[in-house]
N, C-alpha and C. Protein backbone atom coordinates (compact mmCIF):
# COMPACT_ATOMS: atom_id res chain seq x y z
N MET A 1 25.16 4.31 -21.02
CA MET A 1 24.27 5.45 -20.02
C MET A 1 22.94 5.63 -20.96
N LYS A 2 23.08 5.78 -21.95
CA LYS A 2 22.15 6.22 -22.86
C LYS A 2 20.59 5.05 -22.90
N MET A 3 21.48 3.78 -22.54
CA MET A 3 20.52 2.83 -22.35
C MET A 3 19.79 3.00 -21.34
N ALA A 4 20.71 3.25 -20.08
CA ALA A 4 20.15 3.41 -18.55
C ALA A 4 18.84 4.73 -19.03
N ASP A 5 19.04 5.39 -19.65
CA ASP A 5 18.16 6.87 -19.67
C ASP A 5 17.04 6.06 -20.46
N GLU A 6 17.04 5.56 -21.37
CA GLU A 6 15.74 4.91 -22.21
C GLU A 6 15.17 4.02 -21.48
N GLU A 7 15.66 3.11 -20.40
CA GLU A 7 14.96 2.23 -19.64
C GLU A 7 14.27 3.14 -18.44
N ALA A 8 14.91 4.04 -18.08
CA ALA A 8 14.49 5.00 -17.08
C ALA A 8 13.08 5.66 -17.43
N GLU A 9 13.32 6.23 -18.95
CA GLU A 9 12.00 7.07 -19.60
C GLU A 9 10.62 5.94 -19.69
N GLN A 10 11.16 4.84 -19.85
CA GLN A 10 9.93 3.71 -20.27
C GLN A 10 9.64 3.10 -19.03
N ASP A 11 10.03 3.29 -18.10
CA ASP A 11 9.59 3.27 -16.75
C ASP A 11 8.57 4.21 -16.47
N ARG A 12 9.11 5.30 -16.40
CA ARG A 12 8.15 6.58 -16.13
C ARG A 12 7.03 6.58 -17.08
N GLY A 13 7.21 6.17 -18.11
CA GLY A 13 5.77 5.89 -19.07
C GLY A 13 4.91 5.12 -18.44
N LEU A 14 5.42 4.03 -18.36
CA LEU A 14 4.62 2.77 -17.31
C LEU A 14 3.89 3.05 -16.37
N VAL A 15 4.67 4.13 -15.69
CA VAL A 15 3.82 4.66 -14.36
C VAL A 15 3.03 5.64 -14.58
N ASP A 16 3.12 6.46 -15.44
CA ASP A 16 2.32 6.98 -15.81
C ASP A 16 1.27 6.70 -16.53
N SER A 17 1.10 6.03 -17.69
CA SER A 17 0.19 4.73 -18.05
C SER A 17 -0.62 4.26 -17.18
N ILE A 18 0.04 3.62 -15.88
CA ILE A 18 -0.68 2.88 -14.98
C ILE A 18 -1.66 4.27 -13.95
N SER A 19 -0.92 5.03 -13.92
CA SER A 19 -1.82 5.89 -12.99
C SER A 19 -3.02 6.84 -13.81
N LYS A 20 -2.73 6.81 -15.14
CA LYS A 20 -3.57 7.23 -15.87
C LYS A 20 -4.70 6.49 -16.11
N THR A 21 -4.53 5.36 -16.13
CA THR A 21 -5.59 4.24 -16.47
C THR A 21 -6.41 3.94 -14.90
N ILE A 22 -5.58 4.10 -13.72
CA ILE A 22 -6.12 4.02 -12.64
C ILE A 22 -7.34 5.21 -12.14
N GLY A 23 -6.76 6.27 -12.86
CA GLY A 23 -7.81 7.44 -12.61
C GLY A 23 -9.00 7.27 -13.57
N GLU A 24 -8.68 6.65 -14.61
CA GLU A 24 -9.88 6.22 -15.53
C GLU A 24 -10.79 5.41 -14.87
N VAL A 25 -9.95 4.24 -14.37
CA VAL A 25 -11.06 3.41 -13.40
C VAL A 25 -12.14 4.29 -12.32
N ARG A 26 -11.22 4.69 -11.71
CA ARG A 26 -12.04 5.52 -10.50
C ARG A 26 -13.14 6.59 -11.08
N ASN A 27 -12.65 7.51 -12.05
CA ASN A 27 -13.62 8.19 -12.43
C ASN A 27 -15.14 7.57 -13.30
N LEU A 28 -14.70 6.53 -13.68
CA LEU A 28 -16.19 5.75 -14.44
C LEU A 28 -16.54 4.96 -13.37
N LEU A 29 -16.10 4.31 -12.19
CA LEU A 29 -16.66 3.84 -11.07
C LEU A 29 -17.45 4.93 -10.56
N GLU A 30 -17.03 5.84 -10.09
CA GLU A 30 -17.84 7.03 -9.53
C GLU A 30 -18.92 7.61 -10.41
N GLY A 31 -18.63 7.75 -11.59
CA GLY A 31 -19.93 7.83 -12.54
C GLY A 31 -21.05 6.94 -12.55
N LEU A 32 -20.84 5.44 -12.42
CA LEU A 32 -21.81 4.51 -12.13
C LEU A 32 -22.17 4.77 -10.51
N HIS A 33 -21.71 5.11 -9.73
CA HIS A 33 -21.98 5.30 -8.28
C HIS A 33 -23.05 6.41 -8.53
N GLU A 34 -22.64 7.60 -9.09
CA GLU A 34 -23.92 8.85 -9.32
C GLU A 34 -25.30 8.24 -9.75
N VAL A 35 -25.16 7.48 -10.86
CA VAL A 35 -26.38 7.41 -11.54
C VAL A 35 -27.05 6.39 -10.94
N VAL A 36 -26.72 5.27 -10.10
CA VAL A 36 -27.36 4.46 -9.26
C VAL A 36 -28.08 5.40 -7.82
N ILE A 37 -27.19 6.42 -7.87
CA ILE A 37 -27.74 7.49 -6.60
C ILE A 37 -29.00 7.87 -7.26
N ARG A 38 -29.13 8.60 -8.27
CA ARG A 38 -29.72 9.49 -9.17
C ARG A 38 -31.25 8.21 -9.17
N GLU A 39 -31.10 7.15 -9.85
CA GLU A 39 -31.93 5.99 -10.14
C GLU A 39 -32.35 5.41 -9.27
N SER A 40 -31.65 5.19 -8.46
CA SER A 40 -32.14 4.21 -7.11
C SER A 40 -34.01 4.81 -6.55
N ALA A 41 -33.79 5.96 -6.43
CA ALA A 41 -35.31 6.04 -5.87
C ALA A 41 -36.62 5.67 -6.54
N ASN A 42 -36.12 5.77 -7.98
CA ASN A 42 -37.39 5.39 -8.88
C ASN A 42 -37.60 3.67 -8.90
N SER A 43 -36.16 3.07 -9.10
CA SER A 43 -36.23 1.50 -9.21
C SER A 43 -35.28 1.10 -8.58
N PRO A 44 -35.18 0.67 -7.28
CA PRO A 44 -33.93 0.71 -6.36
C PRO A 44 -33.17 -0.82 -6.92
N VAL A 45 -34.23 -1.88 -7.21
CA VAL A 45 -33.92 -3.38 -7.42
C VAL A 45 -32.99 -3.19 -9.06
N GLN A 46 -34.06 -2.42 -9.91
CA GLN A 46 -33.52 -2.29 -11.19
C GLN A 46 -31.98 -1.50 -11.61
N SER A 47 -32.14 -0.61 -10.54
CA SER A 47 -30.61 0.49 -10.64
C SER A 47 -29.67 -0.42 -10.52
N SER A 48 -29.77 -1.10 -8.93
CA SER A 48 -28.64 -1.96 -8.69
C SER A 48 -28.24 -2.91 -9.68
N SER A 49 -29.19 -3.43 -10.15
CA SER A 49 -28.83 -4.72 -11.24
C SER A 49 -27.69 -3.91 -12.15
N ASP A 50 -28.44 -3.02 -12.77
CA ASP A 50 -27.67 -2.29 -13.64
C ASP A 50 -26.19 -1.88 -13.12
N TYR A 51 -26.46 -1.32 -12.00
CA TYR A 51 -25.01 -1.06 -11.58
C TYR A 51 -23.97 -1.94 -11.73
N CYS A 52 -24.44 -3.07 -10.99
CA CYS A 52 -23.56 -4.41 -10.91
C CYS A 52 -22.91 -4.82 -12.28
N GLN A 53 -24.23 -4.90 -13.28
CA GLN A 53 -23.60 -5.15 -14.52
C GLN A 53 -22.55 -4.40 -15.33
N GLU A 54 -22.87 -2.86 -15.09
CA GLU A 54 -21.63 -1.87 -15.68
C GLU A 54 -20.52 -2.09 -15.02
N PHE A 55 -20.32 -2.32 -13.53
CA PHE A 55 -19.43 -2.37 -12.76
C PHE A 55 -18.57 -3.50 -12.91
N CYS A 56 -19.28 -4.54 -13.68
CA CYS A 56 -18.39 -5.79 -14.01
C CYS A 56 -17.90 -5.55 -15.15
N ARG A 57 -18.72 -4.92 -16.22
CA ARG A 57 -18.10 -4.62 -17.31
C ARG A 57 -16.96 -3.65 -17.36
N THR A 58 -16.91 -2.79 -16.79
CA THR A 58 -15.51 -2.03 -16.37
C THR A 58 -14.79 -2.44 -15.86
N LEU A 59 -14.78 -3.36 -14.78
CA LEU A 59 -13.58 -3.99 -14.08
C LEU A 59 -13.36 -4.88 -15.23
N LEU A 60 -13.63 -5.70 -15.54
CA LEU A 60 -13.14 -6.87 -16.88
C LEU A 60 -12.64 -6.03 -17.97
N GLU A 61 -12.98 -4.80 -18.52
CA GLU A 61 -12.45 -4.09 -19.23
C GLU A 61 -10.83 -3.77 -18.87
N PHE A 62 -10.87 -3.21 -17.74
CA PHE A 62 -9.60 -2.50 -17.30
C PHE A 62 -8.84 -3.52 -16.82
N VAL A 63 -9.15 -4.52 -16.31
CA VAL A 63 -8.32 -5.84 -15.85
C VAL A 63 -7.77 -6.52 -16.67
N GLY A 64 -8.65 -6.61 -18.09
CA GLY A 64 -8.07 -7.20 -19.30
C GLY A 64 -6.89 -6.28 -20.06
N ARG A 65 -6.24 -5.40 -19.39
CA ARG A 65 -5.36 -4.45 -20.00
C ARG A 65 -4.00 -5.32 -19.53
N TRP A 66 -3.75 -6.01 -18.91
CA TRP A 66 -2.69 -6.70 -18.20
C TRP A 66 -2.68 -8.02 -18.07
N LYS A 67 -1.37 -8.98 -17.99
CA LYS A 67 -1.44 -10.03 -17.56
C LYS A 67 -1.28 -10.39 -16.25
N THR A 68 -1.79 -11.04 -15.30
CA THR A 68 -1.32 -11.24 -13.98
C THR A 68 0.10 -11.63 -13.70
N GLU A 69 0.60 -12.60 -14.73
CA GLU A 69 2.01 -13.24 -14.57
C GLU A 69 3.15 -11.88 -14.66
N GLU A 70 2.84 -10.68 -15.55
CA GLU A 70 3.79 -10.12 -16.23
C GLU A 70 3.42 -8.87 -15.35
N GLU A 71 2.20 -8.19 -15.00
CA GLU A 71 2.27 -7.26 -14.54
C GLU A 71 1.20 -7.15 -13.49
N PRO A 72 1.42 -7.69 -12.15
CA PRO A 72 0.56 -7.71 -11.07
C PRO A 72 -0.17 -6.62 -10.61
N LEU A 73 0.72 -5.62 -10.39
CA LEU A 73 0.86 -4.50 -9.37
C LEU A 73 -0.50 -3.78 -10.17
N PRO A 74 -0.37 -3.25 -11.29
CA PRO A 74 -1.18 -2.53 -11.99
C PRO A 74 -2.99 -3.33 -11.55
N LEU A 75 -2.91 -4.39 -11.60
CA LEU A 75 -4.03 -5.75 -11.45
C LEU A 75 -4.70 -4.99 -10.04
N VAL A 76 -3.58 -5.19 -8.90
CA VAL A 76 -3.82 -5.01 -7.38
C VAL A 76 -4.51 -3.62 -7.30
N GLN A 77 -3.69 -2.55 -8.23
CA GLN A 77 -4.35 -1.10 -7.90
C GLN A 77 -5.64 -1.01 -8.52
N VAL A 78 -6.23 -1.67 -9.57
CA VAL A 78 -7.53 -1.39 -10.30
C VAL A 78 -8.49 -2.38 -9.39
N TYR A 79 -8.23 -3.46 -8.75
CA TYR A 79 -8.74 -4.13 -7.50
C TYR A 79 -9.29 -3.53 -6.65
N MET A 80 -8.03 -2.86 -5.84
CA MET A 80 -8.44 -2.06 -4.97
C MET A 80 -9.39 -0.43 -5.23
N VAL A 81 -9.04 -0.22 -6.43
CA VAL A 81 -10.18 0.78 -6.65
C VAL A 81 -11.42 0.55 -6.74
N ALA A 82 -11.66 -0.71 -7.30
CA ALA A 82 -12.88 -1.10 -7.31
C ALA A 82 -13.44 -1.66 -6.27
N LEU A 83 -12.81 -2.27 -5.30
CA LEU A 83 -13.35 -2.96 -4.39
C LEU A 83 -13.54 -1.63 -3.28
N LEU A 84 -13.02 -0.47 -2.82
CA LEU A 84 -13.52 0.59 -2.48
C LEU A 84 -14.34 1.35 -3.08
N SER A 85 -14.47 1.63 -4.49
CA SER A 85 -15.49 2.13 -5.19
C SER A 85 -17.03 1.15 -4.54
N PHE A 86 -17.13 -0.10 -5.08
CA PHE A 86 -17.91 -0.89 -4.43
C PHE A 86 -18.73 -0.68 -3.07
N ALA A 87 -17.64 -0.47 -2.30
CA ALA A 87 -17.77 -0.63 -0.85
C ALA A 87 -18.80 0.62 -0.19
N LYS A 88 -18.26 1.90 -1.35
CA LYS A 88 -18.72 3.27 -1.39
C LYS A 88 -20.02 3.06 -1.78
N ALA A 89 -20.39 2.50 -2.80
CA ALA A 89 -21.68 2.45 -3.83
C ALA A 89 -22.62 1.64 -2.63
N SER A 90 -21.88 0.77 -2.03
CA SER A 90 -22.93 -0.44 -1.12
C SER A 90 -24.31 0.07 -0.61
N SER A 91 -23.66 1.29 0.38
CA SER A 91 -24.90 1.72 0.90
C SER A 91 -26.25 2.50 0.07
N ASP A 92 -26.22 2.56 -1.20
CA ASP A 92 -26.71 2.94 -2.59
C ASP A 92 -27.57 1.81 -2.87
N LEU A 93 -27.34 0.73 -2.74
CA LEU A 93 -27.68 -0.48 -3.70
C LEU A 93 -28.88 -1.34 -2.87
N SER A 94 -29.37 -2.11 -3.55
CA SER A 94 -30.52 -2.53 -2.75
C SER A 94 -30.03 -4.24 -2.47
N LEU A 95 -30.44 -4.59 -1.68
CA LEU A 95 -30.12 -6.00 -0.93
C LEU A 95 -30.98 -6.83 -1.80
N GLN A 96 -32.38 -6.56 -2.38
CA GLN A 96 -33.00 -7.27 -2.96
C GLN A 96 -32.59 -7.66 -4.23
N CYS A 97 -31.30 -7.08 -4.85
CA CYS A 97 -31.14 -7.40 -6.23
C CYS A 97 -30.02 -8.64 -5.79
N GLU A 98 -30.17 -9.66 -6.65
CA GLU A 98 -29.11 -10.84 -6.19
C GLU A 98 -27.85 -10.46 -6.86
N SER A 99 -27.54 -9.90 -7.82
CA SER A 99 -26.23 -9.39 -8.10
C SER A 99 -25.11 -8.79 -7.24
N VAL A 100 -25.85 -8.00 -6.40
CA VAL A 100 -24.87 -7.40 -5.46
C VAL A 100 -24.32 -8.31 -4.32
N PRO A 101 -24.71 -9.15 -3.65
CA PRO A 101 -23.91 -10.13 -2.82
C PRO A 101 -23.13 -10.79 -4.06
N LEU A 102 -23.55 -11.22 -4.92
CA LEU A 102 -22.52 -12.09 -6.17
C LEU A 102 -21.29 -10.98 -6.76
N VAL A 103 -21.59 -9.84 -6.55
CA VAL A 103 -20.48 -9.12 -6.95
C VAL A 103 -19.75 -8.69 -6.14
N VAL A 104 -19.76 -8.66 -5.15
CA VAL A 104 -19.05 -8.56 -3.91
C VAL A 104 -18.35 -9.49 -3.59
N GLU A 105 -19.08 -11.14 -3.56
CA GLU A 105 -18.20 -12.31 -3.71
C GLU A 105 -17.15 -12.54 -4.61
N ARG A 106 -17.43 -12.28 -5.34
CA ARG A 106 -16.47 -12.45 -6.68
C ARG A 106 -15.28 -11.62 -6.49
N LEU A 107 -15.76 -10.22 -6.73
CA LEU A 107 -14.59 -9.46 -6.60
C LEU A 107 -14.00 -9.47 -5.20
N SER A 108 -13.95 -9.81 -3.92
CA SER A 108 -13.23 -10.18 -3.47
C SER A 108 -12.28 -11.18 -3.65
N LEU A 109 -12.92 -12.41 -3.95
CA LEU A 109 -12.30 -13.64 -4.01
C LEU A 109 -11.22 -13.23 -5.31
N SER A 110 -11.72 -12.51 -6.36
CA SER A 110 -10.55 -12.45 -6.99
C SER A 110 -9.47 -11.74 -6.76
N PHE A 111 -9.83 -10.66 -6.16
CA PHE A 111 -8.61 -9.80 -5.71
C PHE A 111 -7.82 -10.77 -4.34
N LEU A 112 -8.26 -11.47 -3.60
CA LEU A 112 -7.54 -12.33 -2.67
C LEU A 112 -6.57 -13.12 -3.58
N GLU A 113 -7.27 -13.81 -4.31
CA GLU A 113 -6.51 -14.80 -5.16
C GLU A 113 -5.19 -14.11 -6.06
N LEU A 114 -5.46 -13.11 -6.37
CA LEU A 114 -4.64 -12.06 -6.98
C LEU A 114 -3.31 -11.78 -5.99
N LEU A 115 -3.92 -11.31 -4.87
CA LEU A 115 -3.05 -10.99 -3.79
C LEU A 115 -1.96 -12.34 -3.10
N LEU A 116 -3.08 -13.55 -3.03
CA LEU A 116 -2.00 -14.44 -3.00
C LEU A 116 -0.97 -14.71 -3.84
N SER A 117 -1.21 -14.56 -5.09
CA SER A 117 -0.29 -14.98 -6.26
C SER A 117 0.84 -13.91 -6.15
N LEU A 118 0.66 -13.32 -5.83
CA LEU A 118 2.06 -12.42 -5.60
C LEU A 118 3.39 -12.65 -4.80
N LYS A 119 4.38 -12.51 -4.86
CA LYS A 119 5.67 -12.77 -4.27
C LYS A 119 5.61 -11.68 -3.18
N THR A 120 5.51 -10.59 -3.60
CA THR A 120 5.87 -9.29 -2.86
C THR A 120 4.42 -8.16 -2.99
N LEU A 121 4.30 -7.25 -2.17
CA LEU A 121 3.43 -6.12 -2.26
C LEU A 121 4.41 -5.15 -1.72
N PRO A 122 4.59 -4.03 -2.63
CA PRO A 122 5.02 -2.93 -2.16
C PRO A 122 4.16 -2.38 -0.77
N ASP A 123 5.51 -2.05 -0.05
CA ASP A 123 4.58 -1.98 1.40
C ASP A 123 3.71 -0.43 1.29
N ASP A 124 4.10 0.44 0.59
CA ASP A 124 2.70 1.67 0.49
C ASP A 124 1.60 1.20 -0.61
N LEU A 125 1.42 0.10 -1.13
CA LEU A 125 0.27 -0.28 -1.70
C LEU A 125 -0.61 -0.90 -0.46
N TRP A 126 0.25 -1.43 0.44
CA TRP A 126 -0.61 -2.31 1.29
C TRP A 126 -0.84 -1.40 2.54
N GLN A 127 0.02 -0.30 2.87
CA GLN A 127 -0.70 0.70 3.70
C GLN A 127 -1.73 1.42 3.49
N TYR A 128 -1.68 1.67 2.05
CA TYR A 128 -2.93 2.34 1.58
C TYR A 128 -4.18 1.63 1.93
N PHE A 129 -4.04 -0.07 0.97
CA PHE A 129 -5.28 -0.85 1.41
C PHE A 129 -5.59 -0.86 3.05
N LYS A 130 -4.80 -1.14 3.86
CA LYS A 130 -5.16 -1.37 5.20
C LYS A 130 -5.68 -0.15 5.39
N SER A 131 -4.97 1.09 5.28
CA SER A 131 -5.97 2.32 5.71
C SER A 131 -7.35 2.60 5.42
N SER A 132 -7.23 1.91 3.91
CA SER A 132 -8.58 2.43 3.22
C SER A 132 -9.89 1.33 3.76
N VAL A 133 -9.42 -0.15 4.06
CA VAL A 133 -10.50 -0.61 4.80
C VAL A 133 -10.69 -0.47 6.24
N GLN A 134 -9.93 0.01 6.74
CA GLN A 134 -10.08 0.45 8.16
C GLN A 134 -10.93 1.89 8.29
N VAL A 135 -10.59 2.67 7.14
CA VAL A 135 -11.95 3.94 7.29
C VAL A 135 -13.31 3.02 6.90
N LYS A 136 -13.35 2.34 5.92
CA LYS A 136 -14.70 2.00 5.67
C LYS A 136 -15.45 1.24 6.69
N LEU A 137 -14.39 0.35 7.05
CA LEU A 137 -15.38 -0.37 8.56
C LEU A 137 -15.16 0.45 9.73
N GLY A 138 -14.51 1.48 9.82
CA GLY A 138 -14.89 2.77 10.79
C GLY A 138 -16.07 3.47 10.63
N ARG A 139 -16.50 3.66 9.47
CA ARG A 139 -17.91 4.31 8.92
C ARG A 139 -18.82 3.46 9.31
N GLN A 140 -18.88 2.19 9.25
CA GLN A 140 -20.14 1.04 9.09
C GLN A 140 -20.56 1.47 10.60
């Protein structure tokens, strides 16, 4: 019984850790969006380029915390937050910046590859993603 309690405690700790990390990613990416909003009036192409560079650096930092083979679901969550964040920021990014389409293409491909590598995706995660995409597409 004691071993089962320890395993349950470890699982709760992992879930808490993942939730905390997802929150960190979301906050950092929201902060980047706020910066691009402030700076885009002065130099839209440069602020978009800076945003893309910091966005990628932030994503790589957090994606590097897990191995796809061992813990794919936290990666799916990080990519979902990143995709939704980029979609939200896209209206404030300059299409004159060549980094913008490149980042969205690579981000989408990486996310799709990750999804295709999964044996199963929890239904609640899939429903969240579908509803988020529908909301974003509905606003366009």
